[in-house]
């Protein structure tokens, strides 16, 4: 059986997450190394991340997919994770996502968000997510969430050729994984309140959700 890796790079796409990073980075399991991709922050995110020992990369082109792709390109471990930096998902769950990839049970592991309380996941974001997950199941990929936390082998992911550099990135990744016949493991994770002073770029407003829906609709065409 494949051993669980001694080191795993974790890509954290960041736009103004200085308030959340200290708590997030303090929860990293041993051997998990943070790569913070600063996507144009104005709150000192890069300086905070560097002071806490993270590798910091600038990505001037705005977009979730752009930040994620830059982080994956610069990662050096075989298995790589992606995690939001706003405190909504604890890094302590990462080993549970890495395990099925490391042992060969899955090519991709993704988190299924379970809200930890009322108001954590606004109705408009949950509705859009449920619709997209239903469309993916119709394509044969049995997932119930288009979540922002995942684990994979770096070379496998880059070979998929995901091109979206906006909010459509997670959906395109899953579509391409389905088309390539990848086995996908879905792991239940707690979806937590964000750090004080932070708001989701997607679900934090109807406008953000609509912008993400626009990007994802483009992927589905």
Protein backbone atom coordinates (compact mmCIF):
# COMPACT_ATOMS: atom_id res chain seq x y z
CA UNK A 1 0.00 0.00 0.00
CA UNK A 2 1.25 3.50 -0.84
CA UNK A 3 2.54 5.37 2.16
CA UNK A 4 1.00 8.60 3.30
CA UNK A 5 3.45 11.27 2.08
CA UNK A 6 5.87 12.93 4.48
CA UNK A 7 5.23 16.35 2.92
CA UNK A 8 2.22 17.88 1.20
CA UNK A 9 2.07 21.38 -0.28
CA UNK A 10 -1.18 23.24 0.37
CA UNK A 11 -2.18 26.05 -1.97
CA UNK A 12 -4.17 28.88 -0.37
CA UNK A 13 -5.51 31.42 -2.89
CA UNK A 14 -5.77 34.69 -0.98
CA UNK A 15 -7.40 38.05 -1.48
CA UNK A 16 -7.36 40.11 1.73
CA UNK A 17 -7.18 37.23 4.21
CA UNK A 18 -4.72 38.78 6.72
CA UNK A 19 -7.23 38.48 9.58
CA UNK A 20 -7.84 34.78 8.99
CA UNK A 21 -4.34 33.49 8.20
CA UNK A 22 -2.86 33.28 11.73
CA UNK A 23 -5.56 30.87 12.92
CA UNK A 24 -5.61 28.91 9.66
CA UNK A 25 -1.85 28.40 9.45
CA UNK A 26 -1.60 27.47 13.14
CA UNK A 27 -3.82 24.44 12.46
CA UNK A 28 -1.67 22.89 9.73
CA UNK A 29 -0.84 19.23 10.43
CA UNK A 30 2.86 18.27 10.56
CA UNK A 31 4.37 17.97 7.07
CA UNK A 32 1.75 20.17 5.42
CA UNK A 33 3.35 23.28 3.93
CA UNK A 34 1.46 26.45 3.10
CA UNK A 35 1.81 28.16 -0.28
CA UNK A 36 -0.07 31.45 -0.05
CA UNK A 37 -0.85 32.94 -3.46
CA UNK A 38 -1.57 36.63 -3.00
CA UNK A 39 -4.10 37.72 -5.60
CA UNK A 40 -3.77 41.48 -5.16
CA UNK A 41 -4.44 41.91 -1.44
CA UNK A 42 -4.39 45.38 0.10
CA UNK A 43 -4.51 44.35 3.78
CA UNK A 44 -0.97 43.00 4.23
CA UNK A 45 -1.88 39.37 3.54
CA UNK A 46 1.52 38.62 1.97
CA UNK A 47 3.47 40.07 4.91
CA UNK A 48 1.36 38.19 7.47
CA UNK A 49 1.78 34.91 5.59
CA UNK A 50 5.54 35.34 5.23
CA UNK A 51 5.92 36.16 8.92
CA UNK A 52 4.10 32.94 9.77
CA UNK A 53 6.48 30.87 7.65
CA UNK A 54 4.39 30.34 4.53
CA UNK A 55 5.80 30.45 1.02
CA UNK A 56 4.26 33.52 -0.61
CA UNK A 57 3.69 33.92 -4.35
CA UNK A 58 2.18 36.94 -6.12
CA UNK A 59 -0.46 36.41 -8.79
CA UNK A 60 -1.35 39.79 -10.31
CA UNK A 61 -4.03 38.39 -12.63
CA UNK A 62 -7.23 38.47 -10.59
CA UNK A 63 -9.21 35.26 -10.35
CA UNK A 64 -9.60 32.22 -8.12
CA UNK A 65 -8.41 29.86 -10.85
CA UNK A 66 -5.40 32.03 -11.63
CA UNK A 67 -4.25 31.96 -8.00
CA UNK A 68 -4.83 28.22 -7.64
CA UNK A 69 -3.01 27.40 -10.88
CA UNK A 70 0.03 29.49 -9.91
CA UNK A 71 0.24 27.71 -6.58
CA UNK A 72 0.02 24.26 -8.14
CA UNK A 73 2.67 25.12 -10.72
CA UNK A 74 5.09 26.16 -7.96
CA UNK A 75 4.31 23.23 -5.63
CA UNK A 76 7.06 20.64 -5.30
CA UNK A 77 5.35 17.69 -3.61
CA UNK A 78 3.71 14.76 -5.39
CA UNK A 79 0.36 15.28 -3.68
CA UNK A 80 -1.00 18.81 -3.40
CA UNK A 81 -4.04 20.22 -1.60
CA UNK A 82 -6.06 23.38 -2.20
CA UNK A 83 -7.76 25.11 0.72
CA UNK A 84 -9.57 28.40 1.20
CA UNK A 85 -7.78 30.72 3.63
CA UNK A 86 -10.80 32.32 5.28
CA UNK A 87 -11.10 29.89 8.19
CA UNK A 88 -14.27 28.23 6.89
CA UNK A 89 -12.54 24.86 6.62
CA UNK A 90 -9.98 23.61 9.12
CA UNK A 91 -6.64 22.39 7.76
CA UNK A 92 -6.92 19.50 10.22
CA UNK A 93 -9.18 17.74 7.68
CA UNK A 94 -6.48 17.65 5.00
CA UNK A 95 -5.03 14.23 5.92
CA UNK A 96 -8.50 12.70 5.42
CA UNK A 97 -8.50 14.07 1.87
CA UNK A 98 -4.93 13.04 1.14
CA UNK A 99 -5.39 9.44 2.31
CA UNK A 100 -7.52 8.13 -0.61
CA UNK A 101 -5.17 9.78 -3.13
CA UNK A 102 -2.03 8.49 -1.44
CA UNK A 103 -3.35 4.92 -1.26
CA UNK A 104 -4.62 4.92 -4.84
CA UNK A 105 -8.31 4.66 -3.98
CA UNK A 106 -8.99 7.95 -5.79
CA UNK A 107 -7.34 10.27 -8.28
CA UNK A 108 -9.08 13.25 -6.68
CA UNK A 109 -10.49 13.83 -3.20
CA UNK A 110 -12.90 16.68 -2.56
CA UNK A 111 -14.65 17.99 0.53
CA UNK A 112 -18.41 17.91 0.95
CA UNK A 113 -19.28 20.88 3.14
CA UNK A 114 -21.59 20.26 6.10
CA UNK A 115 -22.64 23.60 7.65
CA UNK A 116 -21.65 23.83 11.31
CA UNK A 117 -24.44 26.26 12.12
CA UNK A 118 -27.22 28.42 10.75
CA UNK A 119 -26.14 31.21 8.42
CA UNK A 120 -22.77 29.65 7.61
CA UNK A 121 -23.79 28.83 4.04
CA UNK A 122 -26.29 31.34 2.58
CA UNK A 123 -29.30 29.95 0.74
CA UNK A 124 -28.34 31.45 -2.62
CA UNK A 125 -24.92 29.81 -2.56
CA UNK A 126 -26.30 26.44 -1.44
CA UNK A 127 -28.94 26.48 -4.17
CA UNK A 128 -26.41 27.20 -6.90
CA UNK A 129 -24.07 24.55 -5.58
CA UNK A 130 -26.83 21.93 -5.45
CA UNK A 131 -27.79 22.62 -9.07
CA UNK A 132 -24.22 22.32 -10.31
CA UNK A 133 -23.66 19.10 -8.35
CA UNK A 134 -26.85 17.67 -9.90
CA UNK A 135 -25.57 18.52 -13.38
CA UNK A 136 -22.28 16.76 -12.60
CA UNK A 137 -24.09 13.66 -11.38
CA UNK A 138 -25.92 13.58 -14.69
CA UNK A 139 -22.47 13.40 -16.31
CA UNK A 140 -21.62 10.40 -14.14
CA UNK A 141 -19.56 12.08 -11.39
CA UNK A 142 -21.14 11.28 -8.04
CA UNK A 143 -20.44 14.43 -6.05
CA UNK A 144 -22.76 16.58 -3.96
CA UNK A 145 -20.60 19.67 -3.61
CA UNK A 146 -18.49 21.91 -5.85
CA UNK A 147 -16.26 22.73 -2.91
CA UNK A 148 -13.02 24.69 -2.64
CA UNK A 149 -11.01 22.02 -0.81
CA UNK A 150 -9.37 19.13 -2.63
CA UNK A 151 -6.34 16.82 -2.85
CA UNK A 152 -4.69 15.32 -5.95
CA UNK A 153 -1.39 14.33 -7.49
CA UNK A 154 0.21 17.43 -8.96
CA UNK A 155 1.18 15.94 -12.32
CA UNK A 156 -2.25 14.37 -12.77
CA UNK A 157 -3.99 17.67 -12.16
CA UNK A 158 -1.76 19.68 -14.50
CA UNK A 159 -2.26 17.07 -17.22
CA UNK A 160 -6.04 17.67 -17.14
CA UNK A 161 -5.41 21.06 -18.73
CA UNK A 162 -7.93 23.12 -16.74
CA UNK A 163 -8.12 26.51 -18.46
CA UNK A 164 -10.60 28.58 -16.43
CA UNK A 165 -8.88 31.20 -14.31
CA UNK A 166 -11.97 32.55 -12.54
CA UNK A 167 -14.61 31.03 -10.27
CA UNK A 168 -15.36 28.40 -12.90
CA UNK A 169 -12.10 26.59 -12.06
CA UNK A 170 -13.53 24.04 -9.55
CA UNK A 171 -16.36 23.09 -11.88
CA UNK A 172 -14.12 22.70 -14.93
CA UNK A 173 -11.76 20.56 -12.87
CA UNK A 174 -14.58 18.18 -11.94
CA UNK A 175 -15.91 18.06 -15.50
CA UNK A 176 -12.49 17.20 -16.88
CA UNK A 177 -11.97 14.61 -14.14
CA UNK A 178 -15.27 12.98 -15.11
CA UNK A 179 -14.36 12.99 -18.79
CA UNK A 180 -10.98 11.41 -17.96
CA UNK A 181 -12.65 8.66 -15.94
CA UNK A 182 -11.06 9.65 -12.65
CA UNK A 183 -12.18 8.02 -9.44
CA UNK A 184 -13.28 10.75 -7.02
CA UNK A 185 -13.61 10.44 -3.26
CA UNK A 186 -15.92 12.85 -1.44
CA UNK A 187 -15.15 13.46 2.24
CA UNK A 188 -17.59 15.16 4.62
CA UNK A 189 -16.07 18.20 6.32
CA UNK A 190 -17.36 20.84 8.72
CA UNK A 191 -18.13 24.18 7.06
CA UNK A 192 -17.34 26.76 9.71
CA UNK A 193 -17.99 30.47 10.28
CA UNK A 194 -15.30 32.56 8.63
CA UNK A 195 -12.72 34.49 10.60
CA UNK A 196 -13.90 37.81 12.00
CA UNK A 197 -13.74 40.56 9.42
CA UNK A 198 -13.68 38.25 6.40
CA UNK A 199 -16.40 37.52 3.87
CA UNK A 200 -16.58 34.91 1.16
CA UNK A 201 -15.79 36.29 -2.29
CA UNK A 202 -18.54 34.00 -3.65
CA UNK A 203 -21.25 33.27 -1.09
CA UNK A 204 -20.79 36.46 0.92
CA UNK A 205 -23.17 38.32 -1.37
CA UNK A 206 -25.76 37.65 -4.05
CA UNK A 207 -23.55 39.64 -6.43
CA UNK A 208 -20.56 37.38 -5.71
CA UNK A 209 -22.68 34.28 -6.22
CA UNK A 210 -23.98 35.60 -9.53
CA UNK A 211 -20.43 36.36 -10.68
CA UNK A 212 -19.38 32.81 -9.83
CA UNK A 213 -22.47 31.46 -11.59
CA UNK A 214 -21.51 33.41 -14.70
CA UNK A 215 -18.03 31.88 -14.72
CA UNK A 216 -19.38 28.39 -14.12
CA UNK A 217 -22.07 28.71 -16.77
CA UNK A 218 -19.32 29.53 -19.24
CA UNK A 219 -17.57 26.30 -18.31
CA UNK A 220 -20.73 24.27 -18.93
CA UNK A 221 -21.22 25.55 -22.48
